[in-house]
């Protein structure tokens, strides 16, 4: 799959979605250096896009570069709190989950739930949230969203 995603990214270098899939594919294969490189390029290319910061923070957190991920969190939280659109809370929840901070992850998932963000429909399939699946709060959230268990 990685080769296909790389090809899509070559064909559509301005596709944030393709870059996101590539980043997550690298992380899944524990190719942290490659994931960080793609995330940083995405941030440079789409510096105006707040989601570019989300990718970088998540990548640092998933790669175990805690201090770099934490350094981006204040800006991410400010963007999320100033936004009427959802999505940022889910991204922040993923960063906290990757950092092993479950309480913070659930707090941000709850914020996304309150905003009725459609991105929450992905919580069962986002690998970075796997560490939350055994927590009763995750099962409760899945139930409240109306997803199959």
Protein backbone atom coordinates (compact mmCIF):
# COMPACT_ATOMS: atom_id res chain seq x y z
CA UNK A 1 0.00 0.00 0.00
CA UNK A 2 2.84 2.38 0.77
CA UNK A 3 4.01 2.43 -2.84
CA UNK A 4 0.49 3.25 -4.04
CA UNK A 5 0.16 6.11 -1.57
CA UNK A 6 3.58 7.44 -2.59
CA UNK A 7 2.45 7.37 -6.23
CA UNK A 8 -0.77 9.25 -5.39
CA UNK A 9 1.28 11.87 -3.55
CA UNK A 10 3.58 12.26 -6.56
CA UNK A 11 0.55 12.73 -8.81
CA UNK A 12 -1.20 15.10 -6.37
CA UNK A 13 1.47 16.86 -4.31
CA UNK A 14 -1.04 19.46 -3.10
CA UNK A 15 -3.44 16.87 -1.68
CA UNK A 16 -3.41 17.15 2.11
CA UNK A 17 -5.46 13.98 2.37
CA UNK A 18 -2.91 11.99 0.37
CA UNK A 19 -0.09 13.43 2.48
CA UNK A 20 -1.99 12.48 5.65
CA UNK A 21 -2.38 8.89 4.45
CA UNK A 22 1.31 8.77 3.54
CA UNK A 23 2.32 10.09 6.97
CA UNK A 24 0.11 7.54 8.72
CA UNK A 25 1.42 4.76 6.47
CA UNK A 26 5.00 5.61 7.39
CA UNK A 27 4.10 5.71 11.08
CA UNK A 28 2.36 2.34 10.83
CA UNK A 29 5.55 0.88 9.35
CA UNK A 30 7.59 2.62 12.07
CA UNK A 31 9.38 4.72 9.48
CA UNK A 32 9.29 7.76 11.74
CA UNK A 33 11.98 9.72 9.90
CA UNK A 34 10.07 9.51 6.63
CA UNK A 35 6.81 10.44 8.36
CA UNK A 36 8.39 13.49 9.95
CA UNK A 37 9.93 14.55 6.64
CA UNK A 38 6.56 14.37 4.83
CA UNK A 39 4.80 16.18 7.69
CA UNK A 40 7.35 18.99 7.67
CA UNK A 41 7.08 19.34 3.88
CA UNK A 42 3.29 19.43 4.20
CA UNK A 43 3.61 22.16 6.81
CA UNK A 44 5.93 24.20 4.56
CA UNK A 45 3.68 23.70 1.54
CA UNK A 46 0.44 24.38 3.42
CA UNK A 47 1.74 26.61 6.19
CA UNK A 48 -1.51 28.57 6.09
CA UNK A 49 -3.48 25.38 6.67
CA UNK A 50 -3.86 24.75 10.39
CA UNK A 51 -4.11 21.03 9.72
CA UNK A 52 -0.47 21.09 8.59
CA UNK A 53 0.45 21.79 12.23
CA UNK A 54 -1.75 18.88 13.29
CA UNK A 55 0.20 16.51 11.04
CA UNK A 56 3.55 17.65 12.40
CA UNK A 57 2.48 17.44 16.04
CA UNK A 58 0.93 14.01 15.57
CA UNK A 59 3.99 12.75 13.74
CA UNK A 60 6.35 13.98 16.44
CA UNK A 61 4.18 12.42 19.14
CA UNK A 62 3.84 9.08 17.36
CA UNK A 63 7.58 9.05 16.67
CA UNK A 64 8.34 9.52 20.36
CA UNK A 65 9.61 13.09 20.02
CA UNK A 66 7.57 14.30 22.96
CA UNK A 67 9.13 17.74 23.47
CA UNK A 68 8.64 18.69 19.82
CA UNK A 69 5.01 17.55 19.89
CA UNK A 70 4.34 19.36 23.16
CA UNK A 71 5.87 22.55 21.76
CA UNK A 72 3.14 22.65 19.09
CA UNK A 73 0.22 21.91 21.43
CA UNK A 74 -0.37 25.48 22.68
CA UNK A 75 -0.81 26.70 19.11
CA UNK A 76 -3.05 23.74 18.25
CA UNK A 77 -5.21 24.31 21.33
CA UNK A 78 -5.55 28.01 20.50
CA UNK A 79 -6.61 27.18 16.93
CA UNK A 80 -9.13 24.61 18.15
CA UNK A 81 -10.63 26.90 20.75
CA UNK A 82 -10.94 29.73 18.23
CA UNK A 83 -12.54 27.59 15.55
CA UNK A 84 -16.21 26.97 14.95
CA UNK A 85 -15.31 24.05 12.68
CA UNK A 86 -14.53 20.66 14.14
CA UNK A 87 -11.53 18.51 13.41
CA UNK A 88 -8.89 20.26 15.45
CA UNK A 89 -10.09 18.66 18.67
CA UNK A 90 -9.81 15.21 17.11
CA UNK A 91 -6.30 16.00 15.92
CA UNK A 92 -5.30 17.20 19.37
CA UNK A 93 -6.86 14.09 20.91
CA UNK A 94 -4.69 11.97 18.62
CA UNK A 95 -1.57 13.85 19.68
CA UNK A 96 -2.41 13.31 23.35
CA UNK A 97 -3.18 9.63 22.72
CA UNK A 98 0.18 9.22 21.00
CA UNK A 99 1.82 10.88 24.01
CA UNK A 100 0.05 8.42 26.33
CA UNK A 101 -2.05 11.13 27.98
CA UNK A 102 -5.45 9.41 27.93
CA UNK A 103 -7.33 11.90 30.08
CA UNK A 104 -6.36 14.78 27.81
CA UNK A 105 -7.18 12.68 24.72
CA UNK A 106 -10.68 11.96 26.04
CA UNK A 107 -11.23 15.60 27.00
CA UNK A 108 -10.53 16.65 23.40
CA UNK A 109 -12.62 13.82 21.96
CA UNK A 110 -15.49 15.06 24.12
CA UNK A 111 -15.04 18.58 22.73
CA UNK A 112 -15.25 17.18 19.20
CA UNK A 113 -18.36 15.22 20.16
CA UNK A 114 -19.99 18.38 21.50
CA UNK A 115 -19.21 20.13 18.20
CA UNK A 116 -20.75 17.18 16.34
CA UNK A 117 -17.69 16.79 14.15
CA UNK A 118 -18.10 14.09 11.53
CA UNK A 119 -14.45 13.12 11.87
CA UNK A 120 -15.34 11.23 15.03
CA UNK A 121 -16.84 8.51 12.86
CA UNK A 122 -13.22 7.46 12.23
CA UNK A 123 -12.23 6.87 15.86
CA UNK A 124 -12.51 3.09 15.57
CA UNK A 125 -10.04 2.97 12.67
CA UNK A 126 -7.43 5.58 13.60
CA UNK A 127 -4.45 3.48 14.74
CA UNK A 128 -3.12 6.22 17.00
CA UNK A 129 -6.29 5.88 19.09
CA UNK A 130 -5.87 2.12 19.59
CA UNK A 131 -4.44 2.74 23.05
CA UNK A 132 -7.83 4.17 24.07
CA UNK A 133 -9.97 1.24 22.93
CA UNK A 134 -9.74 -0.67 26.21
CA UNK A 135 -10.86 2.34 28.24
CA UNK A 136 -14.58 2.37 29.19
CA UNK A 137 -14.76 6.02 28.10
CA UNK A 138 -13.94 4.96 24.54
CA UNK A 139 -16.75 2.41 24.47
CA UNK A 140 -19.12 5.03 25.88
CA UNK A 141 -18.10 7.55 23.21
CA UNK A 142 -18.49 4.99 20.43
CA UNK A 143 -21.98 4.23 21.76
CA UNK A 144 -22.95 7.94 21.97
CA UNK A 145 -21.71 8.54 18.42
CA UNK A 146 -23.78 5.57 17.25
CA UNK A 147 -20.93 3.53 15.80
CA UNK A 148 -20.90 -0.27 15.83
CA UNK A 149 -18.94 -1.70 18.71
